[in-house]
C-alpha cells in the first residue's frame, strides 16, 4: 500500500462499516468520485475486479508522485503569496482561506 492510505480516503473504513464486499467498495468508490476521477479510474482493468487492494493500487499508480515525501515546494508557497498579493482580500473569509493554505504549505516545508 502507498503512503496515501485507504484511511486517508475514508472509502475502506466506510465500506467496512457498511459491510460492503470488496467488489461493492470498488463500485461505490467509482460512483461517488468526481466525474473526472471516476472516468479515469474506470479505465484500469481492476475497476471490474473484486479486489479492493488491487483496484486501489492501480488507481494510485495513475498519480505519479503520490508516494513522494515532497508534497509542497517553495514554489508552491511563492505561488500562494503572489496570487493573494495580486488579488486583495475583501473579507475575513478570504483572509482565513489564505491563512489556512499558507499555514498548511509553510508548516510542511518547515518540517
Protein backbone atom coordinates (compact mmCIF):
# COMPACT_ATOMS: atom_id res chain seq x y z
CA UNK A 1 0.00 0.00 0.00
CA UNK A 2 1.20 3.52 -0.68
CA UNK A 3 1.83 6.41 1.70
CA UNK A 4 -1.62 7.64 0.68
CA UNK A 5 -3.59 5.08 2.60
CA UNK A 6 -7.14 3.95 2.13
CA UNK A 7 -7.81 5.51 5.51
CA UNK A 8 -6.86 8.90 4.06
CA UNK A 9 -9.65 8.47 1.56
CA UNK A 10 -12.08 7.01 4.09
CA UNK A 11 -13.51 4.64 1.49
CA UNK A 12 -12.33 1.40 3.07
CA UNK A 13 -13.47 2.45 6.55
CA UNK A 14 -16.92 3.41 5.31
CA UNK A 15 -17.21 0.22 3.27
CA UNK A 16 -16.22 -1.90 6.25
CA UNK A 17 -18.75 -0.13 8.46
CA UNK A 18 -21.43 -0.73 5.81
CA UNK A 19 -20.36 -4.38 5.46
CA UNK A 20 -19.76 -4.00 1.73
CA UNK A 21 -17.87 -6.59 -0.27
CA UNK A 22 -14.66 -5.51 -1.96
CA UNK A 23 -16.48 -5.53 -5.31
CA UNK A 24 -19.18 -3.24 -3.89
CA UNK A 25 -16.50 -0.99 -2.42
CA UNK A 26 -14.98 -0.51 -5.88
CA UNK A 27 -18.42 0.18 -7.37
CA UNK A 28 -19.23 2.86 -4.80
CA UNK A 29 -15.76 4.42 -4.97
CA UNK A 30 -16.38 4.93 -8.68
CA UNK A 31 -19.91 6.16 -8.09
CA UNK A 32 -19.05 8.82 -5.52
CA UNK A 33 -15.77 10.05 -7.02
CA UNK A 34 -15.86 13.18 -9.16
CA UNK A 35 -16.94 12.56 -12.76
CA UNK A 36 -13.39 13.12 -14.00
CA UNK A 37 -11.85 10.79 -11.43
CA UNK A 38 -14.48 8.13 -11.95
CA UNK A 39 -13.92 8.17 -15.71
CA UNK A 40 -10.17 7.86 -15.20
CA UNK A 41 -10.36 5.17 -12.52
CA UNK A 42 -12.77 3.14 -14.65
CA UNK A 43 -10.02 2.71 -17.25
CA UNK A 44 -7.95 0.40 -15.06
CA UNK A 45 -8.77 -3.29 -15.55
CA UNK A 46 -9.01 -3.71 -11.77
CA UNK A 47 -12.12 -1.48 -11.78
CA UNK A 48 -14.13 -4.52 -12.87
CA UNK A 49 -12.41 -6.83 -10.41
CA UNK A 50 -13.22 -7.98 -6.93
CA UNK A 51 -10.07 -6.95 -5.05
CA UNK A 52 -10.14 -3.54 -3.40
CA UNK A 53 -6.37 -3.59 -2.81
CA UNK A 54 -5.68 -4.34 -6.49
CA UNK A 55 -8.06 -1.56 -7.57
CA UNK A 56 -6.60 0.89 -5.06
CA UNK A 57 -3.02 0.18 -6.12
CA UNK A 58 -3.95 0.54 -9.81
CA UNK A 59 -5.60 3.89 -9.13
CA UNK A 60 -2.67 5.13 -7.06
CA UNK A 61 -0.35 4.22 -9.95
CA UNK A 62 -2.25 6.80 -12.05
CA UNK A 63 -0.91 9.56 -9.76
CA UNK A 64 2.88 9.67 -10.05
CA UNK A 65 4.45 11.31 -7.05
CA UNK A 66 1.67 10.46 -4.62
CA UNK A 67 4.18 8.43 -2.65
CA UNK A 68 6.70 11.25 -2.72
CA UNK A 69 7.53 12.77 0.64
CA UNK A 70 7.72 16.19 -1.11
CA UNK A 71 4.12 17.33 -1.09
CA UNK A 72 4.88 21.03 -1.42
CA UNK A 73 7.76 23.13 -2.71
CA UNK A 74 8.97 26.65 -2.06
CA UNK A 75 7.49 27.45 -5.47
CA UNK A 76 4.05 26.45 -4.13
CA UNK A 77 4.43 28.89 -1.26
CA UNK A 78 5.56 31.63 -3.62
CA UNK A 79 2.57 30.97 -5.88
CA UNK A 80 0.19 31.26 -2.92
CA UNK A 81 1.62 34.57 -1.77
CA UNK A 82 1.86 36.02 -5.30
CA UNK A 83 -1.74 35.10 -6.07
CA UNK A 84 -3.00 36.68 -2.85
CA UNK A 85 -0.87 39.79 -3.37
CA UNK A 86 -2.39 40.24 -6.83
CA UNK A 87 -5.94 39.75 -5.53
CA UNK A 88 -6.71 41.88 -2.47
CA UNK A 89 -8.75 40.16 0.22
CA UNK A 90 -12.17 41.69 0.70
CA UNK A 91 -13.24 39.98 3.91
CA UNK A 92 -12.23 37.75 6.81
CA UNK A 93 -13.30 34.59 4.99
CA UNK A 94 -10.76 35.25 2.24
CA UNK A 95 -8.10 36.09 4.81
CA UNK A 96 -8.86 32.86 6.68
CA UNK A 97 -8.65 30.80 3.46
CA UNK A 98 -5.27 32.36 2.68
CA UNK A 99 -4.00 31.79 6.20
CA UNK A 100 -5.03 28.11 6.17
CA UNK A 101 -3.42 27.49 2.79
CA UNK A 102 -0.23 29.38 3.73
CA UNK A 103 -0.01 27.58 7.10
CA UNK A 104 -0.52 24.14 5.52
CA UNK A 105 2.25 24.61 2.95
CA UNK A 106 4.71 26.55 5.16
CA UNK A 107 4.34 24.07 8.04
CA UNK A 108 5.10 21.19 5.68
CA UNK A 109 8.17 22.98 4.34
CA UNK A 110 9.41 23.87 7.84
CA UNK A 111 9.05 20.25 8.98
